C-alpha atoms as a PDB file:
ATOM      1  CA  MET A   1      89.615 102.680  97.853  1.00  0.00           C
ATOM      2  CA  ILE A   2      91.828 104.562 100.890  1.00  0.00           C
ATOM      3  CA  MET A   3      88.864 107.032 101.516  1.00  0.00           C
ATOM      4  CA  ILE A   4      86.658 104.391 101.902  1.00  0.00           C
ATOM      5  CA  ILE A   5      89.293 102.406 104.394  1.00  0.00           C
ATOM      6  CA  MET A   6      89.738 105.935 105.572  1.00  0.00           C
ATOM      7  CA  SER A   7      85.693 106.234 106.941  1.00  0.00           C
ATOM      8  CA  GLU A   8      86.386 102.887 108.548  1.00  0.00           C
ATOM      9  CA  ILE A   9      89.087 103.352 110.244  1.00  0.00           C
ATOM     10  CA  LEU A  10      87.533 103.007 113.781  1.00  0.00           C
ATOM     11  CA  GLU A  11      86.158  99.918 112.745  1.00  0.00           C
ATOM     12  CA  ILE A  12      89.548  98.446 111.890  1.00  0.00           C
ATOM     13  CA  ALA A  13      90.971 100.004 115.092  1.00  0.00           C
ATOM     14  CA  LYS A  14      88.583  98.113 117.137  1.00  0.00           C
ATOM     15  CA  MET A  15      89.559  94.573 115.487  1.00  0.00           C
ATOM     16  CA  ASP A  16      91.175  91.711 117.226  1.00  0.00           C
ATOM     17  CA  PRO A  17      94.810  92.314 117.034  1.00  0.00           C
ATOM     18  CA  GLU A  18      95.520  89.939 113.900  1.00  0.00           C
ATOM     19  CA  LYS A  19      92.537  91.216 111.727  1.00  0.00           C
ATOM     20  CA  ARG A  20      93.661  94.612 112.478  1.00  0.00           C
ATOM     21  CA  LYS A  21      97.175  94.207 111.685  1.00  0.00           C
ATOM     22  CA  ASP A  22      96.573  92.435 108.484  1.00  0.00           C
ATOM     23  CA  GLU A  23      93.971  95.777 107.527  1.00  0.00           C
ATOM     24  CA  MET A  24      96.724  97.920 108.532  1.00  0.00           C
ATOM     25  CA  LEU A  25      99.472  96.360 106.407  1.00  0.00           C
ATOM     26  CA  LYS A  26      96.833  96.335 103.619  1.00  0.00           C
ATOM     27  CA  LEU A  27      95.885 100.252 104.442  1.00  0.00           C
ATOM     28  CA  LEU A  28      99.806 101.537 104.933  1.00  0.00           C
ATOM     29  CA  GLY A  29     100.913  99.605 102.258  1.00  0.00           C
ATOM     30  CA  GLU A  30      98.457 101.610  99.700  1.00  0.00           C
ATOM     31  CA  ILE A  31      99.423 104.952 101.543  1.00  0.00           C
ATOM     32  CA  LEU A  32     102.945 104.215 100.801  1.00  0.00           C
ATOM     33  CA  LYS A  33     102.974 103.873  97.174  1.00  0.00           C
ATOM     34  CA  GLN A  34     100.926 107.436  96.410  1.00  0.00           C
ATOM     35  CA  ASP A  35     102.650 110.409  95.718  1.00  0.00           C
ATOM     36  CA  ASP A  36     103.914 112.781  98.711  1.00  0.00           C
ATOM     37  CA  ASN A  37     101.428 114.717  99.089  1.00  0.00           C
ATOM     38  CA  THR A  38      98.665 112.199  99.255  1.00  0.00           C
ATOM     39  CA  LYS A  39     100.665 110.738 101.622  1.00  0.00           C
ATOM     40  CA  VAL A  40     100.345 113.295 103.845  1.00  0.00           C
ATOM     41  CA  SER A  41      97.078 114.057 103.561  1.00  0.00           C
ATOM     42  CA  THR A  42      95.970 110.554 103.810  1.00  0.00           C
ATOM     43  CA  MET A  43      97.742 110.369 107.085  1.00  0.00           C
ATOM     44  CA  LYS A  44      96.429 113.374 108.167  1.00  0.00           C
ATOM     45  CA  ASN A  45      92.641 111.892 107.508  1.00  0.00           C
ATOM     46  CA  LEU A  46      93.672 108.730 109.743  1.00  0.00           C
ATOM     47  CA  ILE A  47      94.799 110.154 112.545  1.00  0.00           C
ATOM     48  CA  MET A  48      91.694 112.705 112.415  1.00  0.00           C
ATOM     49  CA  GLU A  49      89.360 109.938 112.265  1.00  0.00           C
ATOM     50  CA  MET A  50      91.336 108.170 115.072  1.00  0.00           C
ATOM     51  CA  SER A  51      90.818 111.476 117.128  1.00  0.00           C
ATOM     52  CA  ARG A  52      87.020 110.319 118.209  1.00  0.00           C
ATOM     53  CA  ALA A  53      88.175 106.739 119.252  1.00  0.00           C
ATOM     54  CA  ASP A  54      89.234 106.829 123.081  1.00  0.00           C
ATOM     55  CA  ASP A  55      92.318 106.226 124.097  1.00  0.00           C
ATOM     56  CA  LYS A  56      92.572 102.306 124.583  1.00  0.00           C
ATOM     57  CA  THR A  57      91.137 102.276 120.661  1.00  0.00           C
ATOM     58  CA  TYR A  58      93.948 104.775 119.597  1.00  0.00           C
ATOM     59  CA  ILE A  59      96.996 103.278 121.471  1.00  0.00           C
ATOM     60  CA  GLY A  60      96.144  99.704 120.242  1.00  0.00           C
ATOM     61  CA  LEU A  61      95.942 100.794 116.617  1.00  0.00           C
ATOM     62  CA  CYS A  62      99.461 102.871 117.386  1.00  0.00           C
ATOM     63  CA  THR A  63     100.645  99.759 118.974  1.00  0.00           C
ATOM     64  CA  THR A  64      99.712  97.978 115.557  1.00  0.00           C
ATOM     65  CA  ASN A  65     101.236 100.570 113.264  1.00  0.00           C
ATOM     66  CA  MET A  66     104.436 101.059 115.274  1.00  0.00           C
ATOM     67  CA  THR A  67     104.953  97.049 115.304  1.00  0.00           C
ATOM     68  CA  ILE A  68     104.311  97.029 111.672  1.00  0.00           C
ATOM     69  CA  ALA A  69     106.876  99.952 111.013  1.00  0.00           C
ATOM     70  CA  SER A  70     109.066  98.460 113.586  1.00  0.00           C
ATOM     71  CA  SER A  71     109.395  95.410 110.485  1.00  0.00           C
ATOM     72  CA  LEU A  72     110.116  97.659 108.008  1.00  0.00           C
ATOM     73  CA  PRO A  73     114.074  98.168 106.583  1.00  0.00           C
ATOM     74  CA  ASP A  74     115.544 101.396 107.740  1.00  0.00           C
ATOM     75  CA  ASN A  75     114.842 103.592 105.021  1.00  0.00           C
ATOM     76  CA  GLN A  76     111.132 102.560 105.199  1.00  0.00           C
ATOM     77  CA  LEU A  77     111.195 102.905 108.654  1.00  0.00           C
ATOM     78  CA  SER A  78     112.470 106.456 108.492  1.00  0.00           C
ATOM     79  CA  ALA A  79     110.351 107.634 105.752  1.00  0.00           C
ATOM     80  CA  PHE A  80     107.321 106.330 107.321  1.00  0.00           C
ATOM     81  CA  VAL A  81     107.826 107.930 110.813  1.00  0.00           C
ATOM     82  CA  SER A  82     108.971 111.416 108.727  1.00  0.00           C
ATOM     83  CA  LEU A  83     105.513 110.914 107.151  1.00  0.00           C
ATOM     84  CA  ARG A  84     103.845 110.515 110.750  1.00  0.00           C
ATOM     85  CA  MET A  85     105.450 113.438 111.938  1.00  0.00           C
ATOM     86  CA  ARG A  86     104.916 115.832 108.949  1.00  0.00           C
ATOM     87  CA  ALA A  87     101.335 114.891 109.098  1.00  0.00           C
ATOM     88  CA  ASN A  88     101.020 115.322 112.953  1.00  0.00           C
ATOM     89  CA  SER A  89     102.552 118.713 112.384  1.00  0.00           C
ATOM     90  CA  GLU A  90      99.949 119.386 109.937  1.00  0.00           C
ATOM     91  CA  LEU A  91      97.185 119.050 112.309  1.00  0.00           C
ATOM     92  CA  PRO A  92      95.148 121.704 114.226  1.00  0.00           C
ATOM     93  CA  ASP A  93      96.623 121.801 117.723  1.00  0.00           C
ATOM     94  CA  ASP A  94      94.038 119.755 119.685  1.00  0.00           C
ATOM     95  CA  ILE A  95      94.537 116.607 117.814  1.00  0.00           C
ATOM     96  CA  LYS A  96      98.139 117.231 116.743  1.00  0.00           C
ATOM     97  CA  SER A  97      98.777 117.293 121.167  1.00  0.00           C
ATOM     98  CA  ARG A  98      96.476 114.310 122.170  1.00  0.00           C
ATOM     99  CA  ASP A  99      98.116 112.059 118.726  1.00  0.00           C
ATOM    100  CA  MET A 100     101.840 113.038 120.212  1.00  0.00           C
ATOM    101  CA  LYS A 101     100.065 111.885 123.807  1.00  0.00           C
ATOM    102  CA  MET A 102      99.138 108.521 122.421  1.00  0.00           C
ATOM    103  CA  ILE A 103     102.172 108.254 120.909  1.00  0.00           C
ATOM    104  CA  GLN A 104     103.926 108.535 123.921  1.00  0.00           C
ATOM    105  CA  GLU A 105     101.540 106.303 125.913  1.00  0.00           C
ATOM    106  CA  THR A 106     102.153 103.838 123.141  1.00  0.00           C
ATOM    107  CA  LEU A 107     105.531 104.026 123.142  1.00  0.00           C
ATOM    108  CA  ASN A 108     106.089 103.452 126.944  1.00  0.00           C
ATOM    109  CA  GLU A 109     103.682 100.182 126.433  1.00  0.00           C
ATOM    110  CA  LEU A 110     105.354  98.519 123.335  1.00  0.00           C
ATOM    111  CA  PRO A 111     107.682  95.670 123.766  1.00  0.00           C
ATOM    112  CA  ALA A 112     111.511  96.794 124.443  1.00  0.00           C
ATOM    113  CA  ASP A 113     112.945  95.860 120.741  1.00  0.00           C
ATOM    114  CA  VAL A 114     109.844  97.930 119.390  1.00  0.00           C
ATOM    115  CA  LYS A 115     110.439 100.633 121.453  1.00  0.00           C
ATOM    116  CA  GLN A 116     113.991 101.498 120.807  1.00  0.00           C
ATOM    117  CA  ARG A 117     113.828 100.729 117.180  1.00  0.00           C
ATOM    118  CA  MET A 118     111.165 103.415 116.663  1.00  0.00           C
ATOM    119  CA  MET A 119     112.654 105.920 119.206  1.00  0.00           C
ATOM    120  CA  LYS A 120     115.680 105.794 117.212  1.00  0.00           C
ATOM    121  CA  PHE A 121     113.927 106.970 114.379  1.00  0.00           C
ATOM    122  CA  MET A 122     111.687 109.088 116.052  1.00  0.00           C
ATOM    123  CA  GLY A 123     115.096 111.242 117.096  1.00  0.00           C
ATOM    124  CA  ASN A 124     114.152 110.538 121.055  1.00  0.00           C
END
């Protein structure tokens, strides 16, 4: 199921914000049920797929994901951020660099409360 959704991530990213949030809640729920190596691999695949998106679409999906993640309890948010950063660290340099740029741009556009909560767990 996750691999089918991975192939459709660009379609999800282009959905209206509410539909995108619903789909990403389902996807992130599925990812978090997996063992650690599968979680990292799946997250890497998600980022690789998103690397094909334009900046606006990429930032839109990051905004949705950070908004969802910021609503998690501290331990789950910490685990999510660690997973996301571990997946990023294992990417090719060009994709890793763009991903970090998109994360930074997303943080700059988030509501203050979401940004503050995310940055707390990102170590910024």
